[in-house]
Amino acid sequence: MSEILLSEAKQGKKLKIVRLESGKHMESRLIGMGLPIGSKIEILQHQNCGPIVISVGDARLGIGAGMANKIIVVEV
């Protein structure tokens, strides 16, 4: 499985967060949002502009482009 940035993932894909290209602040922020490393997510909406809408469990979250460029995922 090849790693890609969350920002490169296509709508409808099921993914797993494998690592972050950032510091502890962003990691703690993601954990607070319910997205620790190892989380399985699905891309609900990904257009050219605006946040990427994902689902994790029963929750839906919007991830901005800056953050999505630092989240490394693989397809599951």
C-alpha atoms as a PDB file:
ATOM      1  CA  MET A   1       0.000   0.000   0.000  1.00  0.00           C
ATOM      2  CA  SER A   2       1.349   3.361  -0.911  1.00  0.00           C
ATOM      3  CA  GLU A   3       1.089   6.350   1.363  1.00  0.00           C
ATOM      4  CA  ILE A   4      -0.572   9.528   0.116  1.00  0.00           C
ATOM      5  CA  LEU A   5      -1.540  12.866   1.594  1.00  0.00           C
ATOM      6  CA  LEU A   6      -5.120  13.160   2.777  1.00  0.00           C
ATOM      7  CA  SER A   7      -5.445  16.137   0.417  1.00  0.00           C
ATOM      8  CA  GLU A   8      -4.748  13.793  -2.552  1.00  0.00           C
ATOM      9  CA  ALA A   9      -7.392  11.198  -1.606  1.00  0.00           C
ATOM     10  CA  LYS A  10     -10.481  10.809  -3.756  1.00  0.00           C
ATOM     11  CA  GLN A  11     -14.060  11.098  -2.576  1.00  0.00           C
ATOM     12  CA  GLY A  12     -15.510   7.767  -1.414  1.00  0.00           C
ATOM     13  CA  LYS A  13     -12.156   6.246  -0.414  1.00  0.00           C
ATOM     14  CA  LYS A  14     -11.734   4.450   2.913  1.00  0.00           C
ATOM     15  CA  LEU A  15      -8.411   5.272   4.505  1.00  0.00           C
ATOM     16  CA  LYS A  16      -6.290   4.828   7.604  1.00  0.00           C
ATOM     17  CA  ILE A  17      -4.157   7.586   9.143  1.00  0.00           C
ATOM     18  CA  VAL A  18      -0.599   6.248   9.368  1.00  0.00           C
ATOM     19  CA  ARG A  19       1.495   9.306  10.285  1.00  0.00           C
ATOM     20  CA  LEU A  20       1.670  13.076  10.446  1.00  0.00           C
ATOM     21  CA  GLU A  21       4.111  15.496   8.855  1.00  0.00           C
ATOM     22  CA  SER A  22       3.786  17.996  11.675  1.00  0.00           C
ATOM     23  CA  GLY A  23       4.517  18.660  15.307  1.00  0.00           C
ATOM     24  CA  LYS A  24       2.958  17.649  18.597  1.00  0.00           C
ATOM     25  CA  HIS A  25       0.466  20.543  18.526  1.00  0.00           C
ATOM     26  CA  MET A  26      -1.313  19.241  15.435  1.00  0.00           C
ATOM     27  CA  GLU A  27      -1.142  15.658  16.694  1.00  0.00           C
ATOM     28  CA  SER A  28      -2.829  16.653  19.963  1.00  0.00           C
ATOM     29  CA  ARG A  29      -5.402  18.666  18.024  1.00  0.00           C
ATOM     30  CA  LEU A  30      -6.263  15.648  15.848  1.00  0.00           C
ATOM     31  CA  ILE A  31      -6.498  13.412  18.909  1.00  0.00           C
ATOM     32  CA  GLY A  32      -8.898  15.947  20.433  1.00  0.00           C
ATOM     33  CA  MET A  33     -11.005  15.709  17.269  1.00  0.00           C
ATOM     34  CA  GLY A  34     -11.084  11.906  17.562  1.00  0.00           C
ATOM     35  CA  LEU A  35      -8.471  11.297  14.834  1.00  0.00           C
ATOM     36  CA  PRO A  36      -5.408   9.661  16.385  1.00  0.00           C
ATOM     37  CA  ILE A  37      -2.894   7.807  14.207  1.00  0.00           C
ATOM     38  CA  GLY A  38      -4.499   4.517  13.217  1.00  0.00           C
ATOM     39  CA  SER A  39      -7.978   6.004  12.759  1.00  0.00           C
ATOM     40  CA  LYS A  40     -10.032   4.659   9.874  1.00  0.00           C
ATOM     41  CA  ILE A  41     -11.830   7.366   7.919  1.00  0.00           C
ATOM     42  CA  GLU A  42     -13.901   7.782   4.767  1.00  0.00           C
ATOM     43  CA  ILE A  43     -13.808  10.769   2.399  1.00  0.00           C
ATOM     44  CA  LEU A  44     -17.382  12.034   2.120  1.00  0.00           C
ATOM     45  CA  GLN A  45     -16.689  15.201   0.148  1.00  0.00           C
ATOM     46  CA  HIS A  46     -13.546  16.465  -1.549  1.00  0.00           C
ATOM     47  CA  GLN A  47     -13.802  19.297  -4.025  1.00  0.00           C
ATOM     48  CA  ASN A  48     -11.206  21.704  -5.371  1.00  0.00           C
ATOM     49  CA  CYS A  49     -12.009  24.310  -2.748  1.00  0.00           C
ATOM     50  CA  GLY A  50     -13.229  24.177   0.806  1.00  0.00           C
ATOM     51  CA  PRO A  51     -12.574  21.607   3.510  1.00  0.00           C
ATOM     52  CA  ILE A  52     -12.392  17.857   2.997  1.00  0.00           C
ATOM     53  CA  VAL A  53     -15.375  16.311   4.765  1.00  0.00           C
ATOM     54  CA  ILE A  54     -14.587  12.959   6.369  1.00  0.00           C
ATOM     55  CA  SER A  55     -16.406  10.480   8.543  1.00  0.00           C
ATOM     56  CA  VAL A  56     -14.850   8.727  11.484  1.00  0.00           C
ATOM     57  CA  GLY A  57     -17.236   6.407  13.273  1.00  0.00           C
ATOM     58  CA  ASP A  58     -20.569   8.235  13.484  1.00  0.00           C
ATOM     59  CA  ALA A  59     -18.981  11.702  13.319  1.00  0.00           C
ATOM     60  CA  ARG A  60     -18.416  13.983  10.325  1.00  0.00           C
ATOM     61  CA  LEU A  61     -15.537  16.441  10.341  1.00  0.00           C
ATOM     62  CA  GLY A  62     -14.190  19.114   8.018  1.00  0.00           C
ATOM     63  CA  ILE A  63     -10.415  19.135   7.540  1.00  0.00           C
ATOM     64  CA  GLY A  64      -8.840  22.237   6.029  1.00  0.00           C
ATOM     65  CA  ALA A  65      -6.327  22.054   3.182  1.00  0.00           C
ATOM     66  CA  GLY A  66      -3.351  22.979   5.356  1.00  0.00           C
ATOM     67  CA  MET A  67      -4.025  20.200   7.820  1.00  0.00           C
ATOM     68  CA  ALA A  68      -4.908  17.697   5.062  1.00  0.00           C
ATOM     69  CA  ASN A  69      -1.484  18.317   3.486  1.00  0.00           C
ATOM     70  CA  LYS A  70       0.174  17.023   6.666  1.00  0.00           C
ATOM     71  CA  ILE A  71      -1.878  13.866   7.234  1.00  0.00           C
ATOM     72  CA  ILE A  72      -0.463  10.717   5.609  1.00  0.00           C
ATOM     73  CA  VAL A  73      -2.950   7.938   4.857  1.00  0.00           C
ATOM     74  CA  VAL A  74      -3.189   4.535   3.164  1.00  0.00           C
ATOM     75  CA  GLU A  75      -6.197   2.851   1.562  1.00  0.00           C
ATOM     76  CA  VAL A  76      -7.883   0.103   3.576  1.00  0.00           C
END
